[in-house]
Amino acid sequence: MSKMRAKVRVGSVLPVAQYEGVTTQERLVFHGVAKTGSYPPDGSDEDNTFAKFSPSVLVDLMVANPALIGKFEPGKSYYVDFTPID
């Protein structure tokens, strides 16, 4: 099996659990990328390339690692690599 790289954008960050006023879990929802506005006539924009071959992407993660709480912002994009495990 081949590796796959996806490009995703944070759609929302929702606090799920709190303890003594501190967020202890967040729900991160990622969507496939799409360019705001028009693509260049030759289609050379990277977001267009990802959207063309992965037109629908939804990743929903629950994060409980204190080092990651508050680190993800709506609108930021990330690469996600899928590598098979032998």
PDB file of N, CA and C in Angstrom:
ATOM      1  N   MET A   1       0.835  -1.182   0.000  1.00  0.00           N
ATOM      2  CA  MET A   1       0.000   0.000   0.000  1.00  0.00           C
ATOM      3  C   MET A   1       0.878   1.243   0.000  1.00  0.00           C
ATOM      4  N   SER A   2       0.421   2.265  -0.658  1.00  0.00           N
ATOM      5  CA  SER A   2       1.165   3.523  -0.754  1.00  0.00           C
ATOM      6  C   SER A   2       0.836   4.454   0.400  1.00  0.00           C
ATOM      7  N   LYS A   3       1.716   5.410   0.582  1.00  0.00           N
ATOM      8  CA  LYS A   3       1.462   6.479   1.541  1.00  0.00           C
ATOM      9  C   LYS A   3       0.478   7.463   0.915  1.00  0.00           C
ATOM     10  N   MET A   4      -0.199   8.233   1.773  1.00  0.00           N
ATOM     11  CA  MET A   4      -1.102   9.262   1.283  1.00  0.00           C
ATOM     12  C   MET A   4      -0.942  10.501   2.148  1.00  0.00           C
ATOM     13  N   ARG A   5      -0.914  11.649   1.524  1.00  0.00           N
ATOM     14  CA  ARG A   5      -0.877  12.918   2.257  1.00  0.00           C
ATOM     15  C   ARG A   5      -2.154  13.673   1.943  1.00  0.00           C
ATOM     16  N   ALA A   6      -2.818  14.131   2.994  1.00  0.00           N
ATOM     17  CA  ALA A   6      -4.013  14.949   2.847  1.00  0.00           C
ATOM     18  C   ALA A   6      -3.720  16.340   3.394  1.00  0.00           C
ATOM     19  N   LYS A   7      -4.416  17.315   2.882  1.00  0.00           N
ATOM     20  CA  LYS A   7      -4.317  18.669   3.409  1.00  0.00           C
ATOM     21  C   LYS A   7      -5.687  19.016   3.970  1.00  0.00           C
ATOM     22  N   VAL A   8      -5.715  19.345   5.260  1.00  0.00           N
ATOM     23  CA  VAL A   8      -6.983  19.622   5.928  1.00  0.00           C
ATOM     24  C   VAL A   8      -6.935  20.983   6.610  1.00  0.00           C
ATOM     25  N   ARG A   9      -8.117  21.538   6.847  1.00  0.00           N
ATOM     26  CA  ARG A   9      -8.226  22.836   7.514  1.00  0.00           C
ATOM     27  C   ARG A   9      -9.095  22.669   8.746  1.00  0.00           C
ATOM     28  N   VAL A  10      -8.706  23.329   9.839  1.00  0.00           N
ATOM     29  CA  VAL A  10      -9.490  23.271  11.070  1.00  0.00           C
ATOM     30  C   VAL A  10     -10.793  24.041  10.848  1.00  0.00           C
ATOM     31  N   GLY A  11     -11.908  23.322  10.997  1.00  0.00           N
ATOM     32  CA  GLY A  11     -13.216  23.953  10.859  1.00  0.00           C
ATOM     33  C   GLY A  11     -13.725  24.484  12.186  1.00  0.00           C
ATOM     34  N   SER A  12     -13.493  23.714  13.251  1.00  0.00           N
ATOM     35  CA  SER A  12     -13.936  24.163  14.566  1.00  0.00           C
ATOM     36  C   SER A  12     -13.123  23.515  15.672  1.00  0.00           C
ATOM     37  N   VAL A  13     -13.040  24.226  16.778  1.00  0.00           N
ATOM     38  CA  VAL A  13     -12.401  23.737  17.998  1.00  0.00           C
ATOM     39  C   VAL A  13     -13.418  23.954  19.111  1.00  0.00           C
ATOM     40  N   LEU A  14     -13.873  22.849  19.699  1.00  0.00           N
ATOM     41  CA  LEU A  14     -14.927  22.936  20.707  1.00  0.00           C
ATOM     42  C   LEU A  14     -14.444  22.385  22.040  1.00  0.00           C
ATOM     43  N   PRO A  15     -14.492  23.175  23.114  1.00  0.00           N
ATOM     44  CA  PRO A  15     -14.144  22.627  24.418  1.00  0.00           C
ATOM     45  C   PRO A  15     -15.209  21.606  24.816  1.00  0.00           C
ATOM     46  N   VAL A  16     -14.779  20.452  25.311  1.00  0.00           N
ATOM     47  CA  VAL A  16     -15.705  19.368  25.635  1.00  0.00           C
ATOM     48  C   VAL A  16     -15.789  19.146  27.138  1.00  0.00           C
ATOM     49  N   ALA A  17     -14.665  19.168  27.793  1.00  0.00           N
ATOM     50  CA  ALA A  17     -14.647  18.903  29.230  1.00  0.00           C
ATOM     51  C   ALA A  17     -13.771  19.936  29.929  1.00  0.00           C
ATOM     52  N   GLN A  18     -14.197  20.271  31.120  1.00  0.00           N
ATOM     53  CA  GLN A  18     -13.414  21.200  31.937  1.00  0.00           C
ATOM     54  C   GLN A  18     -13.304  20.656  33.358  1.00  0.00           C
ATOM     55  N   TYR A  19     -12.204  21.024  33.990  1.00  0.00           N
ATOM     56  CA  TYR A  19     -11.992  20.670  35.384  1.00  0.00           C
ATOM     57  C   TYR A  19     -11.465  21.911  36.080  1.00  0.00           C
ATOM     58  N   GLU A  20     -12.194  22.370  37.065  1.00  0.00           N
ATOM     59  CA  GLU A  20     -11.823  23.576  37.802  1.00  0.00           C
ATOM     60  C   GLU A  20     -11.545  24.756  36.868  1.00  0.00           C
ATOM     61  N   GLY A  21     -12.403  24.915  35.848  1.00  0.00           N
ATOM     62  CA  GLY A  21     -12.305  26.042  34.935  1.00  0.00           C
ATOM     63  C   GLY A  21     -11.261  25.923  33.841  1.00  0.00           C
ATOM     64  N   VAL A  22     -10.571  24.788  33.779  1.00  0.00           N
ATOM     65  CA  VAL A  22      -9.542  24.585  32.761  1.00  0.00           C
ATOM     66  C   VAL A  22     -10.037  23.533  31.768  1.00  0.00           C
ATOM     67  N   THR A  23      -9.949  23.839  30.469  1.00  0.00           N
ATOM     68  CA  THR A  23     -10.357  22.877  29.447  1.00  0.00           C
ATOM     69  C   THR A  23      -9.426  21.679  29.465  1.00  0.00           C
ATOM     70  N   THR A  24     -10.001  20.486  29.574  1.00  0.00           N
ATOM     71  CA  THR A  24      -9.210  19.254  29.631  1.00  0.00           C
ATOM     72  C   THR A  24      -9.377  18.401  28.377  1.00  0.00           C
ATOM     73  N   GLN A  25     -10.397  18.710  27.560  1.00  0.00           N
ATOM     74  CA  GLN A  25     -10.594  17.997  26.288  1.00  0.00           C
ATOM     75  C   GLN A  25     -11.160  18.969  25.263  1.00  0.00           C
ATOM     76  N   GLU A  26     -10.721  18.795  24.021  1.00  0.00           N
ATOM     77  CA  GLU A  26     -11.243  19.581  22.902  1.00  0.00           C
ATOM     78  C   GLU A  26     -11.625  18.647  21.773  1.00  0.00           C
ATOM     79  N   ARG A  27     -12.667  19.029  21.063  1.00  0.00           N
ATOM     80  CA  ARG A  27     -13.052  18.327  19.843  1.00  0.00           C
ATOM     81  C   ARG A  27     -12.571  19.175  18.681  1.00  0.00           C
ATOM     82  N   LEU A  28     -11.730  18.578  17.843  1.00  0.00           N
ATOM     83  CA  LEU A  28     -11.188  19.254  16.660  1.00  0.00           C
ATOM     84  C   LEU A  28     -11.862  18.666  15.428  1.00  0.00           C
ATOM     85  N   VAL A  29     -12.450  19.507  14.605  1.00  0.00           N
ATOM     86  CA  VAL A  29     -13.090  19.057  13.376  1.00  0.00           C
ATOM     87  C   VAL A  29     -12.330  19.665  12.200  1.00  0.00           C
ATOM     88  N   PHE A  30     -11.810  18.786  11.336  1.00  0.00           N
ATOM     89  CA  PHE A  30     -11.050  19.201  10.161  1.00  0.00           C
ATOM     90  C   PHE A  30     -11.852  18.897   8.901  1.00  0.00           C
ATOM     91  N   HIS A  31     -11.710  19.749   7.897  1.00  0.00           N
ATOM     92  CA  HIS A  31     -12.359  19.573   6.603  1.00  0.00           C
ATOM     93  C   HIS A  31     -11.299  19.619   5.514  1.00  0.00           C
ATOM     94  N   GLY A  32     -11.659  19.093   4.346  1.00  0.00           N
ATOM     95  CA  GLY A  32     -10.765  19.210   3.200  1.00  0.00           C
ATOM     96  C   GLY A  32     -10.592  20.675   2.826  1.00  0.00           C
ATOM     97  N   VAL A  33      -9.485  20.988   2.221  1.00  0.00           N
ATOM     98  CA  VAL A  33      -9.194  22.377   1.853  1.00  0.00           C
ATOM     99  C   VAL A  33      -9.928  22.777   0.590  1.00  0.00           C
ATOM    100  N   ALA A  34     -10.195  24.036   0.488  1.00  0.00           N
ATOM    101  CA  ALA A  34     -10.717  24.639  -0.732  1.00  0.00           C
ATOM    102  C   ALA A  34     -10.266  26.090  -0.698  1.00  0.00           C
ATOM    103  N   LYS A  35      -9.943  26.607  -1.844  1.00  0.00           N
ATOM    104  CA  LYS A  35      -9.457  27.989  -1.924  1.00  0.00           C
ATOM    105  C   LYS A  35     -10.633  28.957  -1.800  1.00  0.00           C
ATOM    106  N   THR A  36     -10.408  30.042  -1.090  1.00  0.00           N
ATOM    107  CA  THR A  36     -11.385  31.116  -1.046  1.00  0.00           C
ATOM    108  C   THR A  36     -11.145  31.970  -2.281  1.00  0.00           C
ATOM    109  N   GLY A  37     -12.160  32.130  -3.086  1.00  0.00           N
ATOM    110  CA  GLY A  37     -11.989  32.868  -4.337  1.00  0.00           C
ATOM    111  C   GLY A  37     -11.731  31.901  -5.476  1.00  0.00           C
ATOM    112  N   SER A  38     -11.211  32.408  -6.579  1.00  0.00           N
ATOM    113  CA  SER A  38     -11.023  31.567  -7.763  1.00  0.00           C
ATOM    114  C   SER A  38      -9.612  30.985  -7.836  1.00  0.00           C
ATOM    115  N   TYR A  39      -9.524  29.856  -8.510  1.00  0.00           N
ATOM    116  CA  TYR A  39      -8.231  29.227  -8.743  1.00  0.00           C
ATOM    117  C   TYR A  39      -7.591  29.855  -9.987  1.00  0.00           C
ATOM    118  N   PRO A  40      -6.255  29.765 -10.108  1.00  0.00           N
ATOM    119  CA  PRO A  40      -5.624  30.260 -11.327  1.00  0.00           C
ATOM    120  C   PRO A  40      -6.145  29.461 -12.540  1.00  0.00           C
ATOM    121  N   PRO A  41      -6.136  30.057 -13.716  1.00  0.00           N
ATOM    122  CA  PRO A  41      -6.665  29.382 -14.903  1.00  0.00           C
ATOM    123  C   PRO A  41      -6.029  28.010 -15.166  1.00  0.00           C
ATOM    124  N   ASP A  42      -4.756  27.851 -14.818  1.00  0.00           N
ATOM    125  CA  ASP A  42      -4.112  26.559 -15.075  1.00  0.00           C
ATOM    126  C   ASP A  42      -4.339  25.556 -13.942  1.00  0.00           C
ATOM    127  N   GLY A  43      -5.089  25.957 -12.878  1.00  0.00           N
ATOM    128  CA  GLY A  43      -5.395  25.037 -11.779  1.00  0.00           C
ATOM    129  C   GLY A  43      -4.215  24.709 -10.894  1.00  0.00           C
ATOM    130  N   SER A  44      -3.158  25.521 -10.921  1.00  0.00           N
ATOM    131  CA  SER A  44      -1.898  25.175 -10.261  1.00  0.00           C
ATOM    132  C   SER A  44      -1.885  25.385  -8.747  1.00  0.00           C
ATOM    133  N   ASP A  45      -2.948  25.902  -8.157  1.00  0.00           N
ATOM    134  CA  ASP A  45      -2.986  26.136  -6.717  1.00  0.00           C
ATOM    135  C   ASP A  45      -2.970  24.798  -5.958  1.00  0.00           C
ATOM    136  N   GLU A  46      -2.159  24.699  -4.886  1.00  0.00           N
ATOM    137  CA  GLU A  46      -2.046  23.445  -4.135  1.00  0.00           C
ATOM    138  C   GLU A  46      -3.380  23.006  -3.542  1.00  0.00           C
ATOM    139  N   ASP A  47      -4.184  23.951  -3.025  1.00  0.00           N
ATOM    140  CA  ASP A  47      -5.482  23.575  -2.474  1.00  0.00           C
ATOM    141  C   ASP A  47      -6.362  22.940  -3.542  1.00  0.00           C
ATOM    142  N   ASN A  48      -6.284  23.454  -4.760  1.00  0.00           N
ATOM    143  CA  ASN A  48      -7.065  22.892  -5.866  1.00  0.00           C
ATOM    144  C   ASN A  48      -6.645  21.453  -6.139  1.00  0.00           C
ATOM    145  N   THR A  49      -5.345  21.178  -6.088  1.00  0.00           N
ATOM    146  CA  THR A  49      -4.851  19.820  -6.328  1.00  0.00           C
ATOM    147  C   THR A  49      -5.412  18.862  -5.288  1.00  0.00           C
ATOM    148  N   PHE A  50      -5.379  19.242  -4.006  1.00  0.00           N
ATOM    149  CA  PHE A  50      -5.921  18.370  -2.965  1.00  0.00           C
ATOM    150  C   PHE A  50      -7.428  18.219  -3.108  1.00  0.00           C
ATOM    151  N   ALA A  51      -8.157  19.300  -3.367  1.00  0.00           N
ATOM    152  CA  ALA A  51      -9.605  19.246  -3.489  1.00  0.00           C
ATOM    153  C   ALA A  51     -10.032  18.396  -4.679  1.00  0.00           C
ATOM    154  N   LYS A  52      -9.258  18.436  -5.747  1.00  0.00           N
ATOM    155  CA  LYS A  52      -9.602  17.673  -6.954  1.00  0.00           C
ATOM    156  C   LYS A  52      -9.577  16.172  -6.689  1.00  0.00           C
ATOM    157  N   PHE A  53      -8.577  15.706  -5.941  1.00  0.00           N
ATOM    158  CA  PHE A  53      -8.418  14.273  -5.741  1.00  0.00           C
ATOM    159  C   PHE A  53      -9.013  13.766  -4.430  1.00  0.00           C
ATOM    160  N   SER A  54      -9.343  14.658  -3.523  1.00  0.00           N
ATOM    161  CA  SER A  54     -10.028  14.296  -2.271  1.00  0.00           C
ATOM    162  C   SER A  54     -11.136  15.326  -2.041  1.00  0.00           C
ATOM    163  N   PRO A  55     -12.219  15.231  -2.834  1.00  0.00           N
ATOM    164  CA  PRO A  55     -13.232  16.284  -2.789  1.00  0.00           C
ATOM    165  C   PRO A  55     -14.032  16.350  -1.494  1.00  0.00           C
ATOM    166  N   SER A  56     -13.977  15.305  -0.681  1.00  0.00           N
ATOM    167  CA  SER A  56     -14.711  15.326   0.576  1.00  0.00           C
ATOM    168  C   SER A  56     -13.842  14.732   1.674  1.00  0.00           C
ATOM    169  N   VAL A  57     -13.567  15.529   2.697  1.00  0.00           N
ATOM    170  CA  VAL A  57     -12.728  15.090   3.810  1.00  0.00           C
ATOM    171  C   VAL A  57     -13.374  15.570   5.106  1.00  0.00           C
ATOM    172  N   LEU A  58     -13.471  14.671   6.082  1.00  0.00           N
ATOM    173  CA  LEU A  58     -13.931  15.047   7.413  1.00  0.00           C
ATOM    174  C   LEU A  58     -13.145  14.231   8.423  1.00  0.00           C
ATOM    175  N   VAL A  59     -12.432  14.925   9.314  1.00  0.00           N
ATOM    176  CA  VAL A  59     -11.682  14.277  10.387  1.00  0.00           C
ATOM    177  C   VAL A  59     -12.178  14.894  11.683  1.00  0.00           C
ATOM    178  N   ASP A  60     -12.585  14.051  12.609  1.00  0.00           N
ATOM    179  CA  ASP A  60     -13.133  14.503  13.885  1.00  0.00           C
ATOM    180  C   ASP A  60     -12.302  13.870  14.995  1.00  0.00           C
ATOM    181  N   LEU A  61     -11.550  14.684  15.740  1.00  0.00           N
ATOM    182  CA  LEU A  61     -10.654  14.180  16.780  1.00  0.00           C
ATOM    183  C   LEU A  61     -11.023  14.729  18.144  1.00  0.00           C
ATOM    184  N   MET A  62     -10.927  13.884  19.142  1.00  0.00           N
ATOM    185  CA  MET A  62     -11.049  14.326  20.525  1.00  0.00           C
ATOM    186  C   MET A  62      -9.640  14.376  21.093  1.00  0.00           C
ATOM    187  N   VAL A  63      -9.234  15.521  21.613  1.00  0.00           N
ATOM    188  CA  VAL A  63      -7.885  15.702  22.132  1.00  0.00           C
ATOM    189  C   VAL A  63      -7.963  15.866  23.649  1.00  0.00           C
ATOM    190  N   ALA A  64      -7.165  15.064  24.359  1.00  0.00           N
ATOM    191  CA  ALA A  64      -7.104  15.169  25.819  1.00  0.00           C
ATOM    192  C   ALA A  64      -5.670  15.425  26.294  1.00  0.00           C
ATOM    193  N   ASN A  65      -4.740  15.526  25.367  1.00  0.00           N
ATOM    194  CA  ASN A  65      -3.347  15.786  25.710  1.00  0.00           C
ATOM    195  C   ASN A  65      -3.206  17.258  26.119  1.00  0.00           C
ATOM    196  N   PRO A  66      -2.854  17.522  27.372  1.00  0.00           N
ATOM    197  CA  PRO A  66      -2.755  18.917  27.826  1.00  0.00           C
ATOM    198  C   PRO A  66      -1.811  19.774  26.975  1.00  0.00           C
ATOM    199  N   ALA A  67      -0.796  19.162  26.379  1.00  0.00           N
ATOM    200  CA  ALA A  67       0.158  19.916  25.551  1.00  0.00           C
ATOM    201  C   ALA A  67      -0.476  20.384  24.244  1.00  0.00           C
ATOM    202  N   LEU A  68      -1.619  19.815  23.847  1.00  0.00           N
ATOM    203  CA  LEU A  68      -2.264  20.180  22.584  1.00  0.00           C
ATOM    204  C   LEU A  68      -3.498  21.061  22.758  1.00  0.00           C
ATOM    205  N   ILE A  69      -4.029  21.134  23.977  1.00  0.00           N
ATOM    206  CA  ILE A  69      -5.221  21.948  24.219  1.00  0.00           C
ATOM    207  C   ILE A  69      -4.890  23.410  23.905  1.00  0.00           C
ATOM    208  N   GLY A  70      -5.732  24.019  23.085  1.00  0.00           N
ATOM    209  CA  GLY A  70      -5.548  25.430  22.732  1.00  0.00           C
ATOM    210  C   GLY A  70      -4.529  25.691  21.636  1.00  0.00           C
ATOM    211  N   LYS A  71      -3.974  24.648  21.045  1.00  0.00           N
ATOM    212  CA  LYS A  71      -2.937  24.833  20.014  1.00  0.00           C
ATOM    213  C   LYS A  71      -3.494  24.902  18.595  1.00  0.00           C
ATOM    214  N   PHE A  72      -4.730  24.451  18.382  1.00  0.00           N
ATOM    215  CA  PHE A  72      -5.310  24.436  17.045  1.00  0.00           C
ATOM    216  C   PHE A  72      -6.297  25.588  16.903  1.00  0.00           C
ATOM    217  N   GLU A  73      -6.227  26.292  15.762  1.00  0.00           N
ATOM    218  CA  GLU A  73      -7.076  27.449  15.515  1.00  0.00           C
ATOM    219  C   GLU A  73      -7.907  27.238  14.258  1.00  0.00           C
ATOM    220  N   PRO A  74      -9.208  27.566  14.313  1.00  0.00           N
ATOM    221  CA  PRO A  74     -10.036  27.472  13.106  1.00  0.00           C
ATOM    222  C   PRO A  74      -9.415  28.277  11.965  1.00  0.00           C
ATOM    223  N   GLY A  75      -9.438  27.685  10.789  1.00  0.00           N
ATOM    224  CA  GLY A  75      -8.902  28.338   9.601  1.00  0.00           C
ATOM    225  C   GLY A  75      -7.478  27.950   9.253  1.00  0.00           C
ATOM    226  N   LYS A  76      -6.730  27.385  10.203  1.00  0.00           N
ATOM    227  CA  LYS A  76      -5.353  26.952   9.912  1.00  0.00           C
ATOM    228  C   LYS A  76      -5.381  25.612   9.184  1.00  0.00           C
ATOM    229  N   SER A  77      -4.428  25.425   8.286  1.00  0.00           N
ATOM    230  CA  SER A  77      -4.341  24.183   7.511  1.00  0.00           C
ATOM    231  C   SER A  77      -3.162  23.340   7.965  1.00  0.00           C
ATOM    232  N   TYR A  78      -3.311  22.026   7.801  1.00  0.00           N
ATOM    233  CA  TYR A  78      -2.282  21.073   8.207  1.00  0.00           C
ATOM    234  C   TYR A  78      -2.193  19.961   7.175  1.00  0.00           C
ATOM    235  N   TYR A  79      -1.009  19.378   7.054  1.00  0.00           N
ATOM    236  CA  TYR A  79      -0.846  18.147   6.288  1.00  0.00           C
ATOM    237  C   TYR A  79      -1.050  16.976   7.243  1.00  0.00           C
ATOM    238  N   VAL A  80      -1.727  15.955   6.765  1.00  0.00           N
ATOM    239  CA  VAL A  80      -1.909  14.727   7.527  1.00  0.00           C
ATOM    240  C   VAL A  80      -1.360  13.595   6.660  1.00  0.00           C
ATOM    241  N   ASP A  81      -0.386  12.874   7.190  1.00  0.00           N
ATOM    242  CA  ASP A  81       0.224  11.765   6.444  1.00  0.00           C
ATOM    243  C   ASP A  81      -0.316  10.435   6.933  1.00  0.00           C
ATOM    244  N   PHE A  82      -0.718   9.600   5.983  1.00  0.00           N
ATOM    245  CA  PHE A  82      -1.178   8.245   6.277  1.00  0.00           C
ATOM    246  C   PHE A  82      -0.118   7.281   5.774  1.00  0.00           C
ATOM    247  N   THR A  83       0.472   6.552   6.685  1.00  0.00           N
ATOM    248  CA  THR A  83       1.522   5.595   6.356  1.00  0.00           C
ATOM    249  C   THR A  83       1.111   4.235   6.895  1.00  0.00           C
ATOM    250  N   PRO A  84       1.093   3.208   6.072  1.00  0.00           N
ATOM    251  CA  PRO A  84       0.670   1.899   6.555  1.00  0.00           C
ATOM    252  C   PRO A  84       1.641   1.346   7.598  1.00  0.00           C
ATOM    253  N   ILE A  85       1.089   0.584   8.508  1.00  0.00           N
ATOM    254  CA  ILE A  85       1.900  -0.086   9.528  1.00  0.00           C
ATOM    255  C   ILE A  85       2.040  -1.550   9.130  1.00  0.00           C
ATOM    256  N   ASP A  86       3.264  -2.015   9.121  1.00  0.00           N
ATOM    257  CA  ASP A  86       3.499  -3.416   8.747  1.00  0.00           C
ATOM    258  C   ASP A  86       3.142  -4.341   9.873  1.00  0.00           C
TER     259      ASP A  86
END
